[in-house]
PDB file of N, CA and C in Angstrom:
ATOM      1  N   MET A   1       0.810  -1.070   0.114  1.00  0.00           N
ATOM      2  CA  MET A   1       0.188  -0.376   0.019  1.00  0.00           C
ATOM      3  C   MET A   1       0.625   1.171  -0.399  1.00  0.00           C
ATOM      4  N   ALA A   2       0.000   2.646  -0.903  1.00  0.00           N
ATOM      5  CA  ALA A   2       1.106   3.688  -0.883  1.00  0.00           C
ATOM      6  C   ALA A   2       0.147   4.513  -1.026  1.00  0.00           C
ATOM      7  N   TRP A   3       0.958   5.782  -0.282  1.00  0.00           N
ATOM      8  CA  TRP A   3      -0.729   7.516  -0.625  1.00  0.00           C
ATOM      9  C   TRP A   3       0.344   7.397  -1.823  1.00  0.00           C
ATOM     10  N   ARG A   4      -0.649   8.248  -2.762  1.00  0.00           N
ATOM     11  CA  ARG A   4      -0.098   9.304  -4.518  1.00  0.00           C
ATOM     12  C   ARG A   4      -0.484  10.438  -3.716  1.00  0.00           C
ATOM     13  N   TYR A   5       0.556  11.768  -4.208  1.00  0.00           N
ATOM     14  CA  TYR A   5      -0.627  12.603  -3.951  1.00  0.00           C
ATOM     15  C   TYR A   5      -0.772  13.477  -5.388  1.00  0.00           C
ATOM     16  N   PHE A   6      -1.490  14.158  -5.206  1.00  0.00           N
ATOM     17  CA  PHE A   6      -1.751  14.961  -5.978  1.00  0.00           C
ATOM     18  C   PHE A   6      -2.034  16.480  -5.916  1.00  0.00           C
ATOM     19  N   ASP A   7      -1.912  17.546  -6.825  1.00  0.00           N
ATOM     20  CA  ASP A   7      -1.553  18.461  -6.685  1.00  0.00           C
ATOM     21  C   ASP A   7      -2.688  19.120  -7.077  1.00  0.00           C
ATOM     22  N   ARG A   8      -2.990  20.700  -6.931  1.00  0.00           N
ATOM     23  CA  ARG A   8      -4.253  21.777  -7.392  1.00  0.00           C
ATOM     24  C   ARG A   8      -4.848  20.954  -8.831  1.00  0.00           C
ATOM     25  N   SER A   9      -3.158  21.127  -9.910  1.00  0.00           N
ATOM     26  CA  SER A   9      -4.296  20.841 -11.352  1.00  0.00           C
ATOM     27  C   SER A   9      -4.384  18.958 -11.306  1.00  0.00           C
ATOM     28  N   ASP A  10      -4.450  18.556 -10.220  1.00  0.00           N
ATOM     29  CA  ASP A  10      -4.354  16.832 -10.311  1.00  0.00           C
ATOM     30  C   ASP A  10      -3.299  16.294 -10.815  1.00  0.00           C
ATOM     31  N   ARG A  11      -2.353  16.534 -10.520  1.00  0.00           N
ATOM     32  CA  ARG A  11      -1.099  15.680 -11.720  1.00  0.00           C
ATOM     33  C   ARG A  11      -0.525  15.380 -10.177  1.00  0.00           C
ATOM     34  N   LEU A  12      -0.212  13.526 -11.000  1.00  0.00           N
ATOM     35  CA  LEU A  12       0.636  13.562  -9.724  1.00  0.00           C
ATOM     36  C   LEU A  12       2.351  13.773  -9.920  1.00  0.00           C
ATOM     37  N   VAL A  13       2.142  14.178  -8.307  1.00  0.00           N
ATOM     38  CA  VAL A  13       3.954  14.731  -7.704  1.00  0.00           C
ATOM     39  C   VAL A  13       4.564  14.005  -6.641  1.00  0.00           C
ATOM     40  N   GLY A  14       3.509  12.344  -6.528  1.00  0.00           N
ATOM     41  CA  GLY A  14       4.349  12.091  -5.492  1.00  0.00           C
ATOM     42  C   GLY A  14       4.197  10.899  -4.950  1.00  0.00           C
ATOM     43  N   GLU A  15       4.840   9.809  -4.321  1.00  0.00           N
ATOM     44  CA  GLU A  15       4.568   8.849  -3.471  1.00  0.00           C
ATOM     45  C   GLU A  15       4.801   8.465  -2.393  1.00  0.00           C
ATOM     46  N   SER A  16       4.103   8.311  -1.043  1.00  0.00           N
ATOM     47  CA  SER A  16       4.933   8.229  -0.403  1.00  0.00           C
ATOM     48  C   SER A  16       6.277   6.335  -0.199  1.00  0.00           C
ATOM     49  N   GLU A  17       5.913   6.754   1.029  1.00  0.00           N
ATOM     50  CA  GLU A  17       6.659   4.823   1.693  1.00  0.00           C
ATOM     51  C   GLU A  17       5.341   4.495   1.163  1.00  0.00           C
ATOM     52  N   ARG A  18       6.072   2.913   1.253  1.00  0.00           N
ATOM     53  CA  ARG A  18       5.387   1.954   0.838  1.00  0.00           C
ATOM     54  C   ARG A  18       4.682   1.068   2.844  1.00  0.00           C
ATOM     55  N   PHE A  19       3.134   0.151   3.290  1.00  0.00           N
ATOM     56  CA  PHE A  19       3.039  -0.120   4.108  1.00  0.00           C
ATOM     57  C   PHE A  19       2.546  -1.356   3.621  1.00  0.00           C
ATOM     58  N   GLU A  20       3.012  -2.205   4.839  1.00  0.00           N
ATOM     59  CA  GLU A  20       2.234  -3.880   4.559  1.00  0.00           C
ATOM     60  C   GLU A  20       0.432  -3.648   4.754  1.00  0.00           C
ATOM     61  N   HIS A  21       0.588  -3.099   5.432  1.00  0.00           N
ATOM     62  CA  HIS A  21      -1.384  -3.081   5.350  1.00  0.00           C
ATOM     63  C   HIS A  21      -1.780  -1.462   5.207  1.00  0.00           C
ATOM     64  N   ALA A  22      -3.261  -1.557   4.635  1.00  0.00           N
ATOM     65  CA  ALA A  22      -3.761   0.072   4.941  1.00  0.00           C
ATOM     66  C   ALA A  22      -4.009   0.615   5.951  1.00  0.00           C
ATOM     67  N   GLU A  23      -4.552  -0.609   7.473  1.00  0.00           N
ATOM     68  CA  GLU A  23      -4.456   0.689   9.072  1.00  0.00           C
ATOM     69  C   GLU A  23      -2.818   0.640   8.639  1.00  0.00           C
ATOM     70  N   ALA A  24      -2.049   0.975   8.822  1.00  0.00           N
ATOM     71  CA  ALA A  24      -0.392   1.091   8.551  1.00  0.00           C
ATOM     72  C   ALA A  24      -0.379   2.596   8.176  1.00  0.00           C
ATOM     73  N   ALA A  25      -1.209   2.340   6.675  1.00  0.00           N
ATOM     74  CA  ALA A  25      -1.718   3.906   5.668  1.00  0.00           C
ATOM     75  C   ALA A  25      -1.790   4.739   6.365  1.00  0.00           C
ATOM     76  N   GLU A  26      -2.685   4.643   6.713  1.00  0.00           N
ATOM     77  CA  GLU A  26      -3.705   4.635   7.608  1.00  0.00           C
ATOM     78  C   GLU A  26      -3.335   6.363   8.530  1.00  0.00           C
ATOM     79  N   GLU A  27      -2.533   5.194   9.956  1.00  0.00           N
ATOM     80  CA  GLU A  27      -2.135   5.982  10.525  1.00  0.00           C
ATOM     81  C   GLU A  27      -1.730   7.010  10.232  1.00  0.00           C
ATOM     82  N   TRP A  28      -0.084   6.471   9.325  1.00  0.00           N
ATOM     83  CA  TRP A  28       0.359   7.290   9.005  1.00  0.00           C
ATOM     84  C   TRP A  28       0.023   8.489   8.222  1.00  0.00           C
ATOM     85  N   MET A  29      -0.921   8.971   7.236  1.00  0.00           N
ATOM     86  CA  MET A  29      -1.601  10.021   6.860  1.00  0.00           C
ATOM     87  C   MET A  29      -2.735  10.589   7.737  1.00  0.00           C
ATOM     88  N   ALA A  30      -3.092   9.898   8.418  1.00  0.00           N
ATOM     89  CA  ALA A  30      -3.413  10.716   9.859  1.00  0.00           C
ATOM     90  C   ALA A  30      -2.380  11.997  10.626  1.00  0.00           C
ATOM     91  N   ALA A  31      -1.166  11.158  10.617  1.00  0.00           N
ATOM     92  CA  ALA A  31       0.060  12.316  11.424  1.00  0.00           C
ATOM     93  C   ALA A  31       0.779  13.533   9.920  1.00  0.00           C
ATOM     94  N   ALA A  32       0.189  12.468   8.655  1.00  0.00           N
ATOM     95  CA  ALA A  32       1.347  13.773   8.202  1.00  0.00           C
ATOM     96  C   ALA A  32       0.688  14.735   7.110  1.00  0.00           C
ATOM     97  N   TRP A  33      -1.101  14.307   6.756  1.00  0.00           N
ATOM     98  CA  TRP A  33      -1.807  15.510   6.008  1.00  0.00           C
ATOM     99  C   TRP A  33      -1.224  17.165   6.579  1.00  0.00           C
ATOM    100  N   SER A  34      -1.142  17.143   7.713  1.00  0.00           N
ATOM    101  CA  SER A  34      -1.198  18.550   7.687  1.00  0.00           C
ATOM    102  C   SER A  34      -0.132  18.761   7.147  1.00  0.00           C
ATOM    103  N   GLU A  35       1.029  19.127   6.832  1.00  0.00           N
ATOM    104  CA  GLU A  35       2.558  18.747   6.482  1.00  0.00           C
ATOM    105  C   GLU A  35       2.269  18.445   4.915  1.00  0.00           C
ATOM    106  N   LEU A  36       1.278  17.735   4.106  1.00  0.00           N
ATOM    107  CA  LEU A  36       1.247  17.711   3.341  1.00  0.00           C
ATOM    108  C   LEU A  36       0.758  18.689   2.646  1.00  0.00           C
ATOM    109  N   ARG A  37      -0.394  18.508   3.074  1.00  0.00           N
ATOM    110  CA  ARG A  37      -0.924  20.503   2.489  1.00  0.00           C
ATOM    111  C   ARG A  37      -0.234  21.081   2.613  1.00  0.00           C
ATOM    112  N   GLU A  38       0.769  21.564   3.738  1.00  0.00           N
ATOM    113  CA  GLU A  38       1.939  22.915   3.736  1.00  0.00           C
ATOM    114  C   GLU A  38       2.750  22.572   2.200  1.00  0.00           C
ATOM    115  N   ARG A  39       2.732  20.879   1.972  1.00  0.00           N
ATOM    116  CA  ARG A  39       3.825  21.274   1.296  1.00  0.00           C
ATOM    117  C   ARG A  39       3.120  21.298  -0.311  1.00  0.00           C
ATOM    118  N   GLY A  40       1.758  21.565   0.032  1.00  0.00           N
ATOM    119  CA  GLY A  40       1.079  21.485  -1.382  1.00  0.00           C
ATOM    120  C   GLY A  40      -0.079  20.781  -1.626  1.00  0.00           C
ATOM    121  N   ILE A  41       0.047  19.297  -1.531  1.00  0.00           N
ATOM    122  CA  ILE A  41      -0.978  18.594  -1.868  1.00  0.00           C
ATOM    123  C   ILE A  41      -2.366  18.408  -1.459  1.00  0.00           C
ATOM    124  N   GLU A  42      -2.678  18.495  -2.469  1.00  0.00           N
ATOM    125  CA  GLU A  42      -4.577  18.359  -2.618  1.00  0.00           C
ATOM    126  C   GLU A  42      -5.406  17.342  -2.042  1.00  0.00           C
ATOM    127  N   GLU A  43      -4.623  16.293  -2.532  1.00  0.00           N
ATOM    128  CA  GLU A  43      -5.571  15.083  -3.105  1.00  0.00           C
ATOM    129  C   GLU A  43      -4.212  14.315  -2.478  1.00  0.00           C
ATOM    130  N   VAL A  44      -5.373  12.838  -2.590  1.00  0.00           N
ATOM    131  CA  VAL A  44      -4.376  11.937  -1.969  1.00  0.00           C
ATOM    132  C   VAL A  44      -5.499  10.192  -2.461  1.00  0.00           C
ATOM    133  N   GLU A  45      -5.073   9.742  -3.312  1.00  0.00           N
ATOM    134  CA  GLU A  45      -5.168   8.205  -3.305  1.00  0.00           C
ATOM    135  C   GLU A  45      -4.613   6.275  -2.861  1.00  0.00           C
ATOM    136  N   LEU A  46      -4.975   6.112  -1.753  1.00  0.00           N
ATOM    137  CA  LEU A  46      -4.015   4.696  -1.406  1.00  0.00           C
ATOM    138  C   LEU A  46      -4.076   4.082  -2.646  1.00  0.00           C
ATOM    139  N   VAL A  47      -3.307   3.052  -3.014  1.00  0.00           N
ATOM    140  CA  VAL A  47      -3.345   2.034  -3.378  1.00  0.00           C
ATOM    141  C   VAL A  47      -2.197   0.406  -3.216  1.00  0.00           C
ATOM    142  N   ASP A  48      -3.213   0.511  -3.655  1.00  0.00           N
ATOM    143  CA  ASP A  48      -2.292  -1.527  -3.445  1.00  0.00           C
ATOM    144  C   ASP A  48      -1.383  -1.567  -4.506  1.00  0.00           C
ATOM    145  N   VAL A  49      -0.153  -0.669  -4.440  1.00  0.00           N
ATOM    146  CA  VAL A  49       1.023  -1.118  -5.046  1.00  0.00           C
ATOM    147  C   VAL A  49       0.851  -2.233  -5.760  1.00  0.00           C
ATOM    148  N   GLU A  50       0.749  -3.642  -5.487  1.00  0.00           N
ATOM    149  CA  GLU A  50       1.235  -4.762  -6.307  1.00  0.00           C
ATOM    150  C   GLU A  50       0.278  -5.163  -7.171  1.00  0.00           C
ATOM    151  N   ARG A  51      -0.854  -5.118  -7.137  1.00  0.00           N
ATOM    152  CA  ARG A  51      -2.196  -5.330  -7.802  1.00  0.00           C
ATOM    153  C   ARG A  51      -2.191  -3.270  -8.730  1.00  0.00           C
ATOM    154  N   ASP A  52      -1.671  -2.095  -8.640  1.00  0.00           N
ATOM    155  CA  ASP A  52      -1.616  -1.386  -8.758  1.00  0.00           C
ATOM    156  C   ASP A  52      -4.006  -0.770  -8.936  1.00  0.00           C
ATOM    157  N   GLU A  53      -4.110  -0.907  -7.255  1.00  0.00           N
ATOM    158  CA  GLU A  53      -6.149  -0.942  -7.645  1.00  0.00           C
ATOM    159  C   GLU A  53      -5.644   0.690  -6.437  1.00  0.00           C
ATOM    160  N   VAL A  54      -6.056   1.374  -7.282  1.00  0.00           N
ATOM    161  CA  VAL A  54      -6.897   2.027  -5.954  1.00  0.00           C
ATOM    162  C   VAL A  54      -7.969   2.043  -5.387  1.00  0.00           C
ATOM    163  N   SER A  55      -7.737   1.967  -3.531  1.00  0.00           N
ATOM    164  CA  SER A  55      -8.876   1.312  -3.209  1.00  0.00           C
ATOM    165  C   SER A  55      -9.772   2.630  -2.771  1.00  0.00           C
ATOM    166  N   TYR A  56      -9.575   4.071  -2.619  1.00  0.00           N
ATOM    167  CA  TYR A  56      -9.701   5.002  -2.252  1.00  0.00           C
ATOM    168  C   TYR A  56      -9.236   6.238  -2.319  1.00  0.00           C
ATOM    169  N   ARG A  57     -10.147   7.594  -2.780  1.00  0.00           N
ATOM    170  CA  ARG A  57      -8.878   9.103  -3.077  1.00  0.00           C
ATOM    171  C   ARG A  57      -9.828   9.914  -2.030  1.00  0.00           C
ATOM    172  N   MET A  58      -9.412  10.849  -1.772  1.00  0.00           N
ATOM    173  CA  MET A  58      -9.207  11.777  -0.329  1.00  0.00           C
ATOM    174  C   MET A  58      -8.809  13.597  -0.743  1.00  0.00           C
ATOM    175  N   ALA A  59      -9.687  14.290  -0.167  1.00  0.00           N
ATOM    176  CA  ALA A  59      -9.155  15.393  -0.550  1.00  0.00           C
ATOM    177  C   ALA A  59      -8.209  15.265   0.547  1.00  0.00           C
ATOM    178  N   LEU A  60      -7.332  16.448   1.262  1.00  0.00           N
ATOM    179  CA  LEU A  60      -6.764  16.942   1.737  1.00  0.00           C
ATOM    180  C   LEU A  60      -6.971  18.405   3.023  1.00  0.00           C
ATOM    181  N   SER A  61      -8.281  18.632   2.507  1.00  0.00           N
ATOM    182  CA  SER A  61      -9.159  19.893   2.842  1.00  0.00           C
ATOM    183  C   SER A  61      -9.034  19.988   5.028  1.00  0.00           C
ATOM    184  N   GLU A  62      -9.042  21.361   4.845  1.00  0.00           N
ATOM    185  CA  GLU A  62      -9.048  21.063   6.370  1.00  0.00           C
ATOM    186  C   GLU A  62     -10.530  20.836   7.023  1.00  0.00           C
ATOM    187  N   SER A  63     -10.859  20.340   7.601  1.00  0.00           N
ATOM    188  CA  SER A  63     -12.612  20.636   8.523  1.00  0.00           C
ATOM    189  C   SER A  63     -13.162  22.055   8.778  1.00  0.00           C
ATOM    190  N   GLU A  64     -14.131  22.970   8.504  1.00  0.00           N
ATOM    191  CA  GLU A  64     -14.941  24.355   8.640  1.00  0.00           C
ATOM    192  C   GLU A  64     -15.299  23.525   9.864  1.00  0.00           C
ATOM    193  N   GLY A  65     -14.878  24.265  10.642  1.00  0.00           N
ATOM    194  CA  GLY A  65     -16.165  24.553  11.423  1.00  0.00           C
ATOM    195  C   GLY A  65     -15.500  25.586  12.816  1.00  0.00           C
TER     196      GLY A  65
END
C-alpha cells in the first residue's frame, strides 16, 4: 500500500513510502496530512501497489467549523 499525491491541477506529484497494510497507511496519513497540505498536496489516493488498484481517494482540506 502507498499514498499517491496530487496537486491542485490533479497532477501526480509524488508517492509515500510503502506500507504493509492499509491500517498502517491510514495511521501514517492521520499524522502527515497537514504537512502534505503545506507542501501543496491537495488530494491523495491509497493504492494497492502490487495490484495497481486504487482503494480510495480523498481531499486533504481542513475541516471547517
